[in-house]
PDB file of N, CA and C in Angstrom:
ATOM      1  N   UNK A   1       0.850  -1.179   0.000  1.00  0.00           N
ATOM      2  CA  UNK A   1       0.000   0.000   0.000  1.00  0.00           C
ATOM      3  C   UNK A   1       0.892   1.238   0.000  1.00  0.00           C
ATOM      4  N   UNK A   2       0.747   2.047  -1.000  1.00  0.00           N
ATOM      5  CA  UNK A   2       1.568   3.239  -1.107  1.00  0.00           C
ATOM      6  C   UNK A   2       0.678   4.468  -0.974  1.00  0.00           C
ATOM      7  N   UNK A   3       0.958   5.281   0.025  1.00  0.00           N
ATOM      8  CA  UNK A   3       0.201   6.514   0.217  1.00  0.00           C
ATOM      9  C   UNK A   3       1.169   7.663   0.407  1.00  0.00           C
ATOM     10  N   UNK A   4       0.680   8.836   0.127  1.00  0.00           N
ATOM     11  CA  UNK A   4       1.450  10.041   0.416  1.00  0.00           C
ATOM     12  C   UNK A   4       1.016  10.485   1.807  1.00  0.00           C
ATOM     13  N   UNK A   5       1.737  10.007   2.813  1.00  0.00           N
ATOM     14  CA  UNK A   5       1.333  10.251   4.200  1.00  0.00           C
ATOM     15  C   UNK A   5       1.251  11.738   4.515  1.00  0.00           C
ATOM     16  N   UNK A   6       2.237  12.507   4.079  1.00  0.00           N
ATOM     17  CA  UNK A   6       2.259  13.946   4.385  1.00  0.00           C
ATOM     18  C   UNK A   6       1.029  14.644   3.818  1.00  0.00           C
ATOM     19  N   UNK A   7       0.661  14.295   2.594  1.00  0.00           N
ATOM     20  CA  UNK A   7      -0.509  14.898   1.964  1.00  0.00           C
ATOM     21  C   UNK A   7      -1.787  14.485   2.693  1.00  0.00           C
ATOM     22  N   UNK A   8      -1.880  13.207   3.032  1.00  0.00           N
ATOM     23  CA  UNK A   8      -3.053  12.719   3.763  1.00  0.00           C
ATOM     24  C   UNK A   8      -3.160  13.408   5.116  1.00  0.00           C
ATOM     25  N   UNK A   9      -2.047  13.515   5.819  1.00  0.00           N
ATOM     26  CA  UNK A   9      -2.036  14.144   7.136  1.00  0.00           C
ATOM     27  C   UNK A   9      -2.491  15.596   7.044  1.00  0.00           C
ATOM     28  N   UNK A  10      -2.026  16.306   6.033  1.00  0.00           N
ATOM     29  CA  UNK A  10      -2.426  17.708   5.858  1.00  0.00           C
ATOM     30  C   UNK A  10      -3.936  17.816   5.662  1.00  0.00           C
ATOM     31  N   UNK A  11      -4.503  16.937   4.856  1.00  0.00           N
ATOM     32  CA  UNK A  11      -5.950  16.940   4.638  1.00  0.00           C
ATOM     33  C   UNK A  11      -6.721  16.614   5.902  1.00  0.00           C
ATOM     34  N   UNK A  12      -6.220  15.634   6.658  1.00  0.00           N
ATOM     35  CA  UNK A  12      -6.883  15.263   7.910  1.00  0.00           C
ATOM     36  C   UNK A  12      -6.826  16.409   8.906  1.00  0.00           C
ATOM     37  N   UNK A  13      -5.691  17.093   8.964  1.00  0.00           N
ATOM     38  CA  UNK A  13      -5.546  18.202   9.907  1.00  0.00           C
ATOM     39  C   UNK A  13      -6.479  19.352   9.544  1.00  0.00           C
ATOM     40  N   UNK A  14      -6.647  19.598   8.255  1.00  0.00           N
ATOM     41  CA  UNK A  14      -7.584  20.630   7.816  1.00  0.00           C
ATOM     42  C   UNK A  14      -8.999  20.269   8.243  1.00  0.00           C
ATOM     43  N   UNK A  15      -9.383  19.012   8.039  1.00  0.00           N
ATOM     44  CA  UNK A  15     -10.721  18.564   8.430  1.00  0.00           C
ATOM     45  C   UNK A  15     -10.923  18.670   9.934  1.00  0.00           C
ATOM     46  N   UNK A  16      -9.856  18.495  10.705  1.00  0.00           N
ATOM     47  CA  UNK A  16      -9.990  18.552  12.165  1.00  0.00           C
ATOM     48  C   UNK A  16     -10.186  19.976  12.665  1.00  0.00           C
ATOM     49  N   UNK A  17      -9.852  20.961  11.837  1.00  0.00           N
ATOM     50  CA  UNK A  17      -9.980  22.364  12.236  1.00  0.00           C
ATOM     51  C   UNK A  17     -11.262  22.988  11.699  1.00  0.00           C
ATOM     52  N   UNK A  18     -11.516  22.820  10.411  1.00  0.00           N
ATOM     53  CA  UNK A  18     -12.674  23.503   9.830  1.00  0.00           C
ATOM     54  C   UNK A  18     -13.498  22.642   8.889  1.00  0.00           C
ATOM     55  N   UNK A  19     -13.367  21.341   8.984  1.00  0.00           N
ATOM     56  CA  UNK A  19     -14.145  20.458   8.124  1.00  0.00           C
ATOM     57  C   UNK A  19     -15.570  20.293   8.614  1.00  0.00           C
ATOM     58  N   UNK A  20     -16.425  19.873   7.702  1.00  0.00           N
ATOM     59  CA  UNK A  20     -17.790  19.540   8.083  1.00  0.00           C
ATOM     60  C   UNK A  20     -17.765  18.254   8.896  1.00  0.00           C
ATOM     61  N   UNK A  21     -18.888  17.910   9.480  1.00  0.00           N
ATOM     62  CA  UNK A  21     -18.975  16.659  10.235  1.00  0.00           C
ATOM     63  C   UNK A  21     -18.618  15.482   9.334  1.00  0.00           C
ATOM     64  N   UNK A  22     -19.181  15.491   8.129  1.00  0.00           N
ATOM     65  CA  UNK A  22     -18.938  14.385   7.201  1.00  0.00           C
ATOM     66  C   UNK A  22     -17.467  14.300   6.797  1.00  0.00           C
ATOM     67  N   UNK A  23     -16.839  15.443   6.562  1.00  0.00           N
ATOM     68  CA  UNK A  23     -15.413  15.450   6.212  1.00  0.00           C
ATOM     69  C   UNK A  23     -14.556  14.940   7.365  1.00  0.00           C
ATOM     70  N   UNK A  24     -14.885  15.368   8.562  1.00  0.00           N
ATOM     71  CA  UNK A  24     -14.129  14.924   9.731  1.00  0.00           C
ATOM     72  C   UNK A  24     -14.304  13.423   9.954  1.00  0.00           C
ATOM     73  N   UNK A  25     -15.523  12.925   9.789  1.00  0.00           N
ATOM     74  CA  UNK A  25     -15.764  11.484   9.953  1.00  0.00           C
ATOM     75  C   UNK A  25     -15.028  10.680   8.888  1.00  0.00           C
ATOM     76  N   UNK A  26     -15.055  11.166   7.656  1.00  0.00           N
ATOM     77  CA  UNK A  26     -14.348  10.472   6.573  1.00  0.00           C
ATOM     78  C   UNK A  26     -12.844  10.424   6.850  1.00  0.00           C
ATOM     79  N   UNK A  27     -12.296  11.533   7.316  1.00  0.00           N
ATOM     80  CA  UNK A  27     -10.870  11.572   7.649  1.00  0.00           C
ATOM     81  C   UNK A  27     -10.564  10.621   8.801  1.00  0.00           C
ATOM     82  N   UNK A  28     -11.427  10.602   9.792  1.00  0.00           N
ATOM     83  CA  UNK A  28     -11.237   9.706  10.936  1.00  0.00           C
ATOM     84  C   UNK A  28     -11.283   8.245  10.492  1.00  0.00           C
ATOM     85  N   UNK A  29     -12.220   7.916   9.626  1.00  0.00           N
ATOM     86  CA  UNK A  29     -12.310   6.549   9.104  1.00  0.00           C
ATOM     87  C   UNK A  29     -11.066   6.182   8.304  1.00  0.00           C
ATOM     88  N   UNK A  30     -10.532   7.124   7.549  1.00  0.00           N
ATOM     89  CA  UNK A  30      -9.306   6.877   6.780  1.00  0.00           C
ATOM     90  C   UNK A  30      -8.129   6.606   7.704  1.00  0.00           C
ATOM     91  N   UNK A  31      -8.048   7.375   8.776  1.00  0.00           N
ATOM     92  CA  UNK A  31      -6.960   7.183   9.738  1.00  0.00           C
ATOM     93  C   UNK A  31      -7.051   5.801  10.377  1.00  0.00           C
ATOM     94  N   UNK A  32      -8.244   5.423  10.787  1.00  0.00           N
ATOM     95  CA  UNK A  32      -8.421   4.111  11.416  1.00  0.00           C
ATOM     96  C   UNK A  32      -8.023   3.001  10.448  1.00  0.00           C
ATOM     97  N   UNK A  33      -8.462   3.117   9.194  1.00  0.00           N
ATOM     98  CA  UNK A  33      -8.122   2.096   8.199  1.00  0.00           C
ATOM     99  C   UNK A  33      -6.614   2.022   7.987  1.00  0.00           C
ATOM    100  N   UNK A  34      -5.976   3.172   7.932  1.00  0.00           N
ATOM    101  CA  UNK A  34      -4.531   3.202   7.715  1.00  0.00           C
ATOM    102  C   UNK A  34      -3.776   2.643   8.920  1.00  0.00           C
ATOM    103  N   UNK A  35      -4.217   2.995  10.109  1.00  0.00           N
ATOM    104  CA  UNK A  35      -3.584   2.448  11.307  1.00  0.00           C
ATOM    105  C   UNK A  35      -3.746   0.926  11.362  1.00  0.00           C
ATOM    106  N   UNK A  36      -4.885   0.445  10.902  1.00  0.00           N
ATOM    107  CA  UNK A  36      -5.145  -1.000  10.906  1.00  0.00           C
ATOM    108  C   UNK A  36      -4.217  -1.775   9.980  1.00  0.00           C
ATOM    109  N   UNK A  37      -3.653  -1.111   8.972  1.00  0.00           N
ATOM    110  CA  UNK A  37      -2.767  -1.825   8.045  1.00  0.00           C
ATOM    111  C   UNK A  37      -1.451  -2.194   8.703  1.00  0.00           C
ATOM    112  N   UNK A  38      -1.046  -1.420   9.709  1.00  0.00           N
ATOM    113  CA  UNK A  38       0.230  -1.668  10.367  1.00  0.00           C
ATOM    114  C   UNK A  38       1.427  -1.254   9.538  1.00  0.00           C
ATOM    115  N   UNK A  39       1.208  -0.482   8.481  1.00  0.00           N
ATOM    116  CA  UNK A  39       2.292  -0.092   7.577  1.00  0.00           C
ATOM    117  C   UNK A  39       2.929   1.251   7.907  1.00  0.00           C
ATOM    118  N   UNK A  40       2.435   1.930   8.924  1.00  0.00           N
ATOM    119  CA  UNK A  40       2.995   3.233   9.274  1.00  0.00           C
ATOM    120  C   UNK A  40       4.173   3.066  10.221  1.00  0.00           C
ATOM    121  N   UNK A  41       5.061   4.043  10.179  1.00  0.00           N
ATOM    122  CA  UNK A  41       6.139   4.070  11.166  1.00  0.00           C
ATOM    123  C   UNK A  41       5.527   4.448  12.516  1.00  0.00           C
ATOM    124  N   UNK A  42       6.301   4.313  13.556  1.00  0.00           N
ATOM    125  CA  UNK A  42       5.815   4.686  14.886  1.00  0.00           C
ATOM    126  C   UNK A  42       5.443   6.165  14.921  1.00  0.00           C
ATOM    127  N   UNK A  43       6.307   7.019  14.375  1.00  0.00           N
ATOM    128  CA  UNK A  43       6.020   8.460  14.366  1.00  0.00           C
ATOM    129  C   UNK A  43       4.754   8.768  13.572  1.00  0.00           C
ATOM    130  N   UNK A  44       4.590   8.128  12.415  1.00  0.00           N
ATOM    131  CA  UNK A  44       3.389   8.337  11.610  1.00  0.00           C
ATOM    132  C   UNK A  44       2.148   7.859  12.359  1.00  0.00           C
ATOM    133  N   UNK A  45       2.275   6.752  13.059  1.00  0.00           N
ATOM    134  CA  UNK A  45       1.146   6.227  13.832  1.00  0.00           C
ATOM    135  C   UNK A  45       0.744   7.200  14.931  1.00  0.00           C
ATOM    136  N   UNK A  46       1.732   7.757  15.615  1.00  0.00           N
ATOM    137  CA  UNK A  46       1.438   8.708  16.691  1.00  0.00           C
ATOM    138  C   UNK A  46       0.811   9.977  16.125  1.00  0.00           C
ATOM    139  N   UNK A  47       1.349  10.488  15.026  1.00  0.00           N
ATOM    140  CA  UNK A  47       0.765  11.676  14.385  1.00  0.00           C
ATOM    141  C   UNK A  47      -0.669  11.403  13.958  1.00  0.00           C
ATOM    142  N   UNK A  48      -0.890  10.229  13.403  1.00  0.00           N
ATOM    143  CA  UNK A  48      -2.237   9.855  12.971  1.00  0.00           C
ATOM    144  C   UNK A  48      -3.183   9.767  14.156  1.00  0.00           C
ATOM    145  N   UNK A  49      -2.714   9.160  15.243  1.00  0.00           N
ATOM    146  CA  UNK A  49      -3.535   9.040  16.444  1.00  0.00           C
ATOM    147  C   UNK A  49      -3.895  10.415  16.995  1.00  0.00           C
ATOM    148  N   UNK A  50      -2.918  11.317  17.063  1.00  0.00           N
ATOM    149  CA  UNK A  50      -3.172  12.678  17.560  1.00  0.00           C
ATOM    150  C   UNK A  50      -4.196  13.394  16.686  1.00  0.00           C
ATOM    151  N   UNK A  51      -4.031  13.266  15.378  1.00  0.00           N
ATOM    152  CA  UNK A  51      -4.974  13.904  14.462  1.00  0.00           C
ATOM    153  C   UNK A  51      -6.354  13.275  14.605  1.00  0.00           C
ATOM    154  N   UNK A  52      -6.394  11.966  14.779  1.00  0.00           N
ATOM    155  CA  UNK A  52      -7.666  11.279  14.993  1.00  0.00           C
ATOM    156  C   UNK A  52      -8.371  11.766  16.249  1.00  0.00           C
ATOM    157  N   UNK A  53      -7.616  12.017  17.300  1.00  0.00           N
ATOM    158  CA  UNK A  53      -8.208  12.538  18.537  1.00  0.00           C
ATOM    159  C   UNK A  53      -8.813  13.919  18.297  1.00  0.00           C
ATOM    160  N   UNK A  54      -8.107  14.763  17.532  1.00  0.00           N
ATOM    161  CA  UNK A  54      -8.650  16.092  17.203  1.00  0.00           C
ATOM    162  C   UNK A  54      -9.909  15.967  16.337  1.00  0.00           C
ATOM    163  N   UNK A  55      -9.887  15.040  15.391  1.00  0.00           N
ATOM    164  CA  UNK A  55     -11.062  14.827  14.539  1.00  0.00           C
ATOM    165  C   UNK A  55     -12.252  14.348  15.366  1.00  0.00           C
ATOM    166  N   UNK A  56     -11.996  13.454  16.289  1.00  0.00           N
ATOM    167  CA  UNK A  56     -13.061  12.951  17.154  1.00  0.00           C
ATOM    168  C   UNK A  56     -13.662  14.087  17.980  1.00  0.00           C
ATOM    169  N   UNK A  57     -12.808  14.943  18.518  1.00  0.00           N
ATOM    170  CA  UNK A  57     -13.285  16.093  19.294  1.00  0.00           C
ATOM    171  C   UNK A  57     -14.093  17.037  18.411  1.00  0.00           C
ATOM    172  N   UNK A  58     -13.651  17.248  17.173  1.00  0.00           N
ATOM    173  CA  UNK A  58     -14.389  18.109  16.231  1.00  0.00           C
ATOM    174  C   UNK A  58     -15.774  17.533  15.967  1.00  0.00           C
ATOM    175  N   UNK A  59     -15.832  16.236  15.713  1.00  0.00           N
ATOM    176  CA  UNK A  59     -17.125  15.592  15.467  1.00  0.00           C
ATOM    177  C   UNK A  59     -18.042  15.760  16.673  1.00  0.00           C
ATOM    178  N   UNK A  60     -17.511  15.577  17.864  1.00  0.00           N
ATOM    179  CA  UNK A  60     -18.306  15.727  19.083  1.00  0.00           C
ATOM    180  C   UNK A  60     -18.840  17.148  19.211  1.00  0.00           C
ATOM    181  N   UNK A  61     -17.979  18.142  18.964  1.00  0.00           N
ATOM    182  CA  UNK A  61     -18.424  19.547  19.034  1.00  0.00           C
ATOM    183  C   UNK A  61     -19.520  19.821  18.010  1.00  0.00           C
ATOM    184  N   UNK A  62     -19.350  19.319  16.792  1.00  0.00           N
ATOM    185  CA  UNK A  62     -20.350  19.555  15.751  1.00  0.00           C
ATOM    186  C   UNK A  62     -21.675  18.886  16.096  1.00  0.00           C
ATOM    187  N   UNK A  63     -21.626  17.695  16.679  1.00  0.00           N
ATOM    188  CA  UNK A  63     -22.858  17.023  17.105  1.00  0.00           C
ATOM    189  C   UNK A  63     -23.545  17.796  18.228  1.00  0.00           C
ATOM    190  N   UNK A  64     -22.772  18.315  19.164  1.00  0.00           N
ATOM    191  CA  UNK A  64     -23.344  19.109  20.254  1.00  0.00           C
ATOM    192  C   UNK A  64     -23.993  20.377  19.713  1.00  0.00           C
ATOM    193  N   UNK A  65     -23.346  21.023  18.743  1.00  0.00           N
ATOM    194  CA  UNK A  65     -23.920  22.223  18.131  1.00  0.00           C
ATOM    195  C   UNK A  65     -25.220  21.893  17.403  1.00  0.00           C
ATOM    196  N   UNK A  66     -25.244  20.771  16.709  1.00  0.00           N
ATOM    197  CA  UNK A  66     -26.455  20.358  15.994  1.00  0.00           C
ATOM    198  C   UNK A  66     -27.586  20.088  16.983  1.00  0.00           C
ATOM    199  N   UNK A  67     -27.264  19.445  18.092  1.00  0.00           N
ATOM    200  CA  UNK A  67     -28.275  19.166  19.111  1.00  0.00           C
ATOM    201  C   UNK A  67     -28.848  20.462  19.676  1.00  0.00           C
ATOM    202  N   UNK A  68     -27.990  21.439  19.928  1.00  0.00           N
ATOM    203  CA  UNK A  68     -28.463  22.732  20.429  1.00  0.00           C
ATOM    204  C   UNK A  68     -29.368  23.423  19.421  1.00  0.00           C
ATOM    205  N   UNK A  69     -29.022  23.330  18.150  1.00  0.00           N
ATOM    206  CA  UNK A  69     -29.861  23.939  17.106  1.00  0.00           C
ATOM    207  C   UNK A  69     -31.234  23.285  17.065  1.00  0.00           C
ATOM    208  N   UNK A  70     -31.263  21.958  17.166  1.00  0.00           N
ATOM    209  CA  UNK A  70     -32.539  21.239  17.157  1.00  0.00           C
ATOM    210  C   UNK A  70     -33.381  21.653  18.367  1.00  0.00           C
ATOM    211  N   UNK A  71     -32.760  21.727  19.532  1.00  0.00           N
ATOM    212  CA  UNK A  71     -33.479  22.142  20.738  1.00  0.00           C
ATOM    213  C   UNK A  71     -34.029  23.555  20.591  1.00  0.00           C
ATOM    214  N   UNK A  72     -33.254  24.439  19.987  1.00  0.00           N
ATOM    215  CA  UNK A  72     -33.702  25.812  19.774  1.00  0.00           C
ATOM    216  C   UNK A  72     -34.919  25.850  18.858  1.00  0.00           C
ATOM    217  N   UNK A  73     -34.878  25.102  17.787  1.00  0.00           N
ATOM    218  CA  UNK A  73     -36.013  25.058  16.856  1.00  0.00           C
ATOM    219  C   UNK A  73     -37.237  24.475  17.549  1.00  0.00           C
ATOM    220  N   UNK A  74     -37.032  23.434  18.341  1.00  0.00           N
ATOM    221  CA  UNK A  74     -38.157  22.828  19.053  1.00  0.00           C
ATOM    222  C   UNK A  74     -38.803  23.824  20.004  1.00  0.00           C
ATOM    223  N   UNK A  75     -37.989  24.587  20.725  1.00  0.00           N
ATOM    224  CA  UNK A  75     -38.540  25.600  21.635  1.00  0.00           C
ATOM    225  C   UNK A  75     -39.212  26.729  20.859  1.00  0.00           C
ATOM    226  N   UNK A  76     -38.578  27.150  19.774  1.00  0.00           N
ATOM    227  CA  UNK A  76     -39.100  28.264  18.985  1.00  0.00           C
ATOM    228  C   UNK A  76     -40.467  27.935  18.408  1.00  0.00           C
ATOM    229  N   UNK A  77     -40.652  26.707  17.979  1.00  0.00           N
ATOM    230  CA  UNK A  77     -41.908  26.318  17.349  1.00  0.00           C
ATOM    231  C   UNK A  77     -42.760  25.439  18.259  1.00  0.00           C
ATOM    232  N   UNK A  78     -42.393  25.387  19.539  1.00  0.00           N
ATOM    233  CA  UNK A  78     -43.141  24.638  20.540  1.00  0.00           C
ATOM    234  C   UNK A  78     -43.415  23.205  20.081  1.00  0.00           C
ATOM    235  N   UNK A  79     -42.360  22.560  19.641  1.00  0.00           N
ATOM    236  CA  UNK A  79     -42.467  21.183  19.168  1.00  0.00           C
ATOM    237  C   UNK A  79     -42.252  20.257  20.355  1.00  0.00           C
ATOM    238  N   UNK A  80     -43.208  19.357  20.546  1.00  0.00           N
ATOM    239  CA  UNK A  80     -43.060  18.371  21.615  1.00  0.00           C
ATOM    240  C   UNK A  80     -42.105  17.286  21.168  1.00  0.00           C
ATOM    241  N   UNK A  81     -41.272  16.860  22.086  1.00  0.00           N
ATOM    242  CA  UNK A  81     -40.375  15.745  21.793  1.00  0.00           C
ATOM    243  C   UNK A  81     -40.756  14.585  22.692  1.00  0.00           C
ATOM    244  N   UNK A  82     -40.777  13.392  22.133  1.00  0.00           N
ATOM    245  CA  UNK A  82     -41.122  12.241  22.960  1.00  0.00           C
ATOM    246  C   UNK A  82     -40.070  12.021  24.043  1.00  0.00           C
ATOM    247  N   UNK A  83     -40.520  11.570  25.207  1.00  0.00           N
ATOM    248  CA  UNK A  83     -39.601  11.315  26.308  1.00  0.00           C
ATOM    249  C   UNK A  83     -38.668  10.160  25.981  1.00  0.00           C
ATOM    250  N   UNK A  84     -39.176   9.198  25.235  1.00  0.00           N
ATOM    251  CA  UNK A  84     -38.375   8.044  24.838  1.00  0.00           C
ATOM    252  C   UNK A  84     -38.537   7.829  23.341  1.00  0.00           C
ATOM    253  N   UNK A  85     -37.523   7.262  22.704  1.00  0.00           N
ATOM    254  CA  UNK A  85     -37.660   6.952  21.274  1.00  0.00           C
ATOM    255  C   UNK A  85     -38.831   5.996  21.048  1.00  0.00           C
ATOM    256  N   UNK A  86     -39.519   6.123  19.920  1.00  0.00           N
ATOM    257  CA  UNK A  86     -40.717   5.310  19.671  1.00  0.00           C
ATOM    258  C   UNK A  86     -40.422   3.855  19.342  1.00  0.00           C
ATOM    259  N   UNK A  87     -39.205   3.404  19.482  1.00  0.00           N
ATOM    260  CA  UNK A  87     -38.904   2.009  19.143  1.00  0.00           C
ATOM    261  C   UNK A  87     -38.448   1.241  20.336  1.00  0.00           C
TER     262      UNK A  87
END
């Protein structure tokens, strides 16, 4: 498996700072797949892990923001939410 690690890392780092949720998740999935190959050096693995942690935090922040937006809309339009999921 031949990859341009530096280029991939740069893209992942960009997604961890200002990527959409989908971009951050895609980058995180790519990192996990690459780490699973076992073909990275120790330094590359650590850099990938650090970037993955930032991507995970970005995804969490974006999900929290989305939840707040949904709650705001529900309050604004007086939408009832079920106490438990219907399934």
